[in-house]
Amino acid sequence: MNDELRELAETRYRQPEFLAALFELALEEQWFDLQHMVQHDMAKAILADYSLEKGLGYLNQEIYFNNWEEVIKVGWEAFCDHTGLSWDRVRQRLEQLQKRL
């Protein structure tokens, strides 16, 4: 991921309102919704906006597939920093969620 995309992802994921919504979902044990917001809603929005800014259309496939995982990682880092939860703890919760699905 280049610096420009990383900066966009950091800015978006660290919006106080977004982090507050994620924190609320975590408190309510709504890990499916939390995961969806981090890994789907916001990641796609970031990648779509970046694609458009670069003049490559909405959600360019190459940008999407080459950067999807790294953008999501930025989101989880922002969540962990905001909540004080370790990545290991978050990962465990996500694994528990997958076992239930």
Protein backbone atom coordinates (compact mmCIF):
# COMPACT_ATOMS: atom_id res chain seq x y z
CA MET A 1 0.00 0.00 0.00
CA ASN A 2 1.40 3.37 -0.89
CA ASP A 3 1.64 6.28 1.54
CA GLU A 4 -1.27 8.18 -0.01
CA LEU A 5 -3.68 5.27 0.40
CA ARG A 6 -2.39 4.55 3.91
CA GLU A 7 -3.00 8.18 4.91
CA LEU A 8 -6.53 8.06 3.49
CA ALA A 9 -7.24 4.82 5.36
CA GLU A 10 -5.82 6.17 8.63
CA THR A 11 -7.87 9.35 8.33
CA ARG A 12 -11.10 7.51 7.62
CA TYR A 13 -10.72 4.75 10.19
CA ARG A 14 -9.68 7.20 12.91
CA GLN A 15 -12.73 9.45 12.57
CA PRO A 16 -14.03 9.91 16.13
CA GLU A 17 -17.64 9.15 15.14
CA PHE A 18 -16.65 5.94 13.37
CA LEU A 19 -14.50 4.77 16.28
CA ALA A 20 -17.30 5.58 18.72
CA ALA A 21 -19.70 3.44 16.67
CA LEU A 22 -17.22 0.56 16.62
CA PHE A 23 -16.64 0.86 20.36
CA GLU A 24 -20.39 0.75 20.98
CA LEU A 25 -20.70 -2.41 18.89
CA ALA A 26 -17.86 -4.02 20.84
CA LEU A 27 -19.50 -3.14 24.15
CA GLU A 28 -22.74 -4.66 22.92
CA GLU A 29 -20.89 -7.81 21.77
CA GLN A 30 -22.01 -7.15 18.18
CA TRP A 31 -18.82 -8.51 16.64
CA PHE A 32 -20.42 -9.50 13.34
CA ASP A 33 -21.57 -5.92 12.72
CA LEU A 34 -18.25 -4.54 13.94
CA GLN A 35 -16.32 -6.81 11.60
CA HIS A 36 -18.60 -5.88 8.72
CA MET A 37 -18.07 -2.17 9.29
CA VAL A 38 -14.27 -2.48 9.45
CA GLN A 39 -13.71 -5.08 6.76
CA HIS A 40 -16.46 -4.30 4.29
CA ASP A 41 -18.20 -0.95 4.65
CA MET A 42 -15.26 1.31 5.41
CA ALA A 43 -12.62 -0.64 3.48
CA LYS A 44 -14.71 -0.57 0.30
CA ALA A 45 -15.49 3.12 0.74
CA ILE A 46 -11.80 3.94 1.18
CA LEU A 47 -10.75 1.90 -1.85
CA ALA A 48 -13.58 3.27 -3.98
CA ASP A 49 -12.71 6.87 -3.09
CA TYR A 50 -9.03 6.23 -3.75
CA SER A 51 -9.85 4.67 -7.14
CA LEU A 52 -11.98 7.65 -8.07
CA GLU A 53 -9.31 10.13 -6.94
CA LYS A 54 -6.83 8.35 -9.19
CA GLY A 55 -9.23 8.56 -12.15
CA LEU A 56 -9.56 4.78 -12.33
CA GLY A 57 -13.31 4.58 -11.88
CA TYR A 58 -15.33 3.33 -8.96
CA LEU A 59 -13.61 0.55 -7.01
CA ASN A 60 -10.93 -0.38 -9.53
CA GLN A 61 -10.39 -4.16 -9.29
CA GLU A 62 -6.59 -3.97 -9.29
CA ILE A 63 -6.53 -1.39 -6.49
CA TYR A 64 -9.12 -3.38 -4.58
CA PHE A 65 -7.38 -6.75 -4.74
CA ASN A 66 -3.87 -5.37 -4.22
CA ASN A 67 -4.76 -3.30 -1.15
CA TRP A 68 -7.85 -4.82 0.49
CA GLU A 69 -6.08 -6.68 3.29
CA GLU A 70 -3.70 -3.86 4.14
CA VAL A 71 -6.53 -1.33 4.33
CA ILE A 72 -8.43 -3.63 6.69
CA LYS A 73 -5.31 -3.99 8.83
CA VAL A 74 -5.21 -0.20 9.23
CA GLY A 75 -8.82 -0.35 10.40
CA TRP A 76 -8.17 -2.98 13.04
CA GLU A 77 -5.09 -1.09 14.23
CA ALA A 78 -7.20 2.05 14.67
CA PHE A 79 -9.84 0.05 16.56
CA CYS A 80 -7.25 -1.54 18.85
CA ASP A 81 -5.59 1.80 19.54
CA HIS A 82 -8.94 3.40 20.34
CA THR A 83 -10.26 0.64 22.60
CA GLY A 84 -7.02 -0.53 24.16
CA LEU A 85 -7.83 -4.11 23.14
CA SER A 86 -4.90 -6.13 21.89
CA TRP A 87 -4.93 -7.50 18.37
CA ASP A 88 -4.79 -11.01 19.84
CA ARG A 89 -7.98 -10.37 21.81
CA VAL A 90 -9.76 -8.96 18.76
CA ARG A 91 -8.55 -11.85 16.61
CA GLN A 92 -9.91 -14.33 19.19
CA ARG A 93 -13.31 -12.66 19.09
CA LEU A 94 -13.36 -12.75 15.30
CA GLU A 95 -12.39 -16.43 15.32
CA GLN A 96 -15.20 -17.17 17.78
CA LEU A 97 -17.58 -15.35 15.45
CA GLN A 98 -16.46 -17.48 12.49
CA LYS A 99 -17.03 -20.67 14.47
CA ARG A 100 -20.62 -19.62 15.17
CA LEU A 101 -21.38 -18.87 11.52
